[in-house]
Amino acid sequence: MSLVVSSFCFCVLFLSCTIWFRELHITHRVQQNIRQCSLVPFLKTQASHVLIF
């Protein structure tokens, strides 16, 4: 009986960990995309400033 309970707890823990890692990965990718999108205009303005000087 205790073996069943422990295996069930292990499965729940494993599932929650995989879901958490997946969510973390998705949010990290979204943050990277946002950073790239916001960096592109910034880099363009920096390049234009360098070209002006």
N, C-alpha and C. Protein backbone atom coordinates (compact mmCIF):
# COMPACT_ATOMS: atom_id res chain seq x y z
N MET A 1 0.83 -1.21 0.00
CA MET A 1 0.00 0.00 0.00
C MET A 1 0.87 1.25 0.00
N SER A 2 1.88 1.27 0.85
CA SER A 2 2.76 2.44 0.91
C SER A 2 3.55 2.58 -0.39
N LEU A 3 3.86 1.45 -1.02
CA LEU A 3 4.57 1.50 -2.30
C LEU A 3 3.73 2.20 -3.36
N VAL A 4 2.45 1.91 -3.39
CA VAL A 4 1.54 2.55 -4.34
C VAL A 4 1.48 4.05 -4.09
N VAL A 5 1.37 4.42 -2.84
CA VAL A 5 1.28 5.84 -2.48
C VAL A 5 2.58 6.56 -2.85
N SER A 6 3.71 5.93 -2.56
CA SER A 6 5.00 6.57 -2.86
C SER A 6 5.20 6.69 -4.38
N SER A 7 4.81 5.66 -5.12
CA SER A 7 4.95 5.73 -6.58
C SER A 7 4.03 6.80 -7.15
N PHE A 8 2.83 6.91 -6.58
CA PHE A 8 1.89 7.93 -7.03
C PHE A 8 2.45 9.33 -6.75
N CYS A 9 3.01 9.51 -5.56
CA CYS A 9 3.62 10.80 -5.21
C CYS A 9 4.77 11.11 -6.15
N PHE A 10 5.57 10.10 -6.46
CA PHE A 10 6.70 10.30 -7.37
C PHE A 10 6.21 10.71 -8.75
N CYS A 11 5.15 10.07 -9.23
CA CYS A 11 4.60 10.42 -10.54
C CYS A 11 4.08 11.85 -10.55
N VAL A 12 3.39 12.24 -9.50
CA VAL A 12 2.86 13.60 -9.42
C VAL A 12 4.00 14.61 -9.39
N LEU A 13 5.02 14.31 -8.61
CA LEU A 13 6.19 15.20 -8.52
C LEU A 13 6.88 15.31 -9.88
N PHE A 14 7.05 14.17 -10.55
CA PHE A 14 7.71 14.16 -11.85
C PHE A 14 6.92 14.98 -12.87
N LEU A 15 5.59 14.78 -12.88
CA LEU A 15 4.74 15.52 -13.81
C LEU A 15 4.78 17.02 -13.54
N SER A 16 4.72 17.39 -12.29
CA SER A 16 4.75 18.81 -11.95
C SER A 16 6.09 19.42 -12.34
N CYS A 17 7.17 18.66 -12.16
CA CYS A 17 8.50 19.16 -12.54
C CYS A 17 8.60 19.36 -14.05
N THR A 18 8.10 18.39 -14.82
CA THR A 18 8.18 18.52 -16.28
C THR A 18 7.33 19.69 -16.76
N ILE A 19 6.13 19.85 -16.18
CA ILE A 19 5.27 20.98 -16.57
C ILE A 19 5.95 22.29 -16.21
N TRP A 20 6.56 22.34 -15.02
CA TRP A 20 7.23 23.57 -14.58
C TRP A 20 8.39 23.90 -15.50
N PHE A 21 9.20 22.89 -15.85
CA PHE A 21 10.33 23.13 -16.75
C PHE A 21 9.85 23.61 -18.12
N ARG A 22 8.75 23.02 -18.61
CA ARG A 22 8.22 23.42 -19.91
C ARG A 22 7.74 24.87 -19.86
N GLU A 23 7.02 25.23 -18.79
CA GLU A 23 6.55 26.61 -18.65
C GLU A 23 7.73 27.57 -18.58
N LEU A 24 8.75 27.17 -17.81
CA LEU A 24 9.94 28.02 -17.68
C LEU A 24 10.60 28.20 -19.03
N HIS A 25 10.71 27.13 -19.81
CA HIS A 25 11.33 27.19 -21.13
C HIS A 25 10.53 28.10 -22.06
N ILE A 26 9.20 27.98 -22.02
CA ILE A 26 8.34 28.80 -22.88
C ILE A 26 8.49 30.28 -22.52
N THR A 27 8.45 30.59 -21.22
CA THR A 27 8.58 31.99 -20.81
C THR A 27 9.95 32.52 -21.18
N HIS A 28 10.99 31.67 -21.06
CA HIS A 28 12.34 32.11 -21.43
C HIS A 28 12.41 32.43 -22.92
N ARG A 29 11.81 31.58 -23.74
CA ARG A 29 11.82 31.83 -25.19
C ARG A 29 11.04 33.10 -25.52
N VAL A 30 9.92 33.31 -24.85
CA VAL A 30 9.12 34.51 -25.10
C VAL A 30 9.91 35.75 -24.72
N GLN A 31 10.60 35.69 -23.59
CA GLN A 31 11.43 36.82 -23.16
C GLN A 31 12.54 37.07 -24.17
N GLN A 32 13.15 36.01 -24.69
CA GLN A 32 14.20 36.17 -25.70
C GLN A 32 13.64 36.83 -26.95
N ASN A 33 12.47 36.41 -27.39
CA ASN A 33 11.85 37.00 -28.58
C ASN A 33 11.55 38.47 -28.35
N ILE A 34 11.02 38.80 -27.17
CA ILE A 34 10.72 40.20 -26.86
C ILE A 34 12.01 41.01 -26.84
N ARG A 35 13.06 40.44 -26.26
CA ARG A 35 14.34 41.14 -26.18
C ARG A 35 14.90 41.38 -27.58
N GLN A 36 14.81 40.37 -28.45
CA GLN A 36 15.29 40.54 -29.82
C GLN A 36 14.49 41.60 -30.56
N CYS A 37 13.17 41.57 -30.38
CA CYS A 37 12.32 42.55 -31.06
C CYS A 37 12.62 43.96 -30.58
N SER A 38 12.89 44.12 -29.29
CA SER A 38 13.17 45.45 -28.76
C SER A 38 14.61 45.87 -29.07
N LEU A 39 15.49 44.90 -29.28
CA LEU A 39 16.89 45.23 -29.57
C LEU A 39 17.08 45.69 -31.00
N VAL A 40 16.26 45.22 -31.92
CA VAL A 40 16.46 45.55 -33.34
C VAL A 40 16.37 47.06 -33.58
N PRO A 41 15.32 47.76 -33.13
CA PRO A 41 15.28 49.21 -33.35
C PRO A 41 16.41 49.92 -32.61
N PHE A 42 16.74 49.43 -31.42
CA PHE A 42 17.82 50.04 -30.64
C PHE A 42 19.14 49.93 -31.40
N LEU A 43 19.42 48.75 -31.96
CA LEU A 43 20.65 48.57 -32.73
C LEU A 43 20.65 49.44 -33.98
N LYS A 44 19.51 49.58 -34.60
CA LYS A 44 19.43 50.43 -35.80
C LYS A 44 19.73 51.88 -35.44
N THR A 45 19.19 52.37 -34.33
CA THR A 45 19.46 53.75 -33.93
C THR A 45 20.93 53.91 -33.56
N GLN A 46 21.49 52.90 -32.89
CA GLN A 46 22.90 52.96 -32.54
C GLN A 46 23.77 53.00 -33.80
N ALA A 47 23.42 52.18 -34.78
CA ALA A 47 24.18 52.15 -36.03
C ALA A 47 24.08 53.49 -36.74
N SER A 48 22.90 54.10 -36.74
CA SER A 48 22.74 55.40 -37.40
C SER A 48 23.54 56.46 -36.66
N HIS A 49 23.59 56.40 -35.33
CA HIS A 49 24.38 57.35 -34.56
C HIS A 49 25.86 57.20 -34.89
N VAL A 50 26.31 55.94 -35.00
CA VAL A 50 27.72 55.69 -35.33
C VAL A 50 28.02 56.21 -36.73
N LEU A 51 27.10 56.00 -37.67
CA LEU A 51 27.31 56.47 -39.03
C LEU A 51 27.33 57.99 -39.09
N ILE A 52 26.51 58.64 -38.25
CA ILE A 52 26.49 60.10 -38.23
C ILE A 52 27.83 60.62 -37.72
N PHE A 53 28.32 60.03 -36.64
CA PHE A 53 29.61 60.46 -36.10
C PHE A 53 30.73 59.88 -36.95
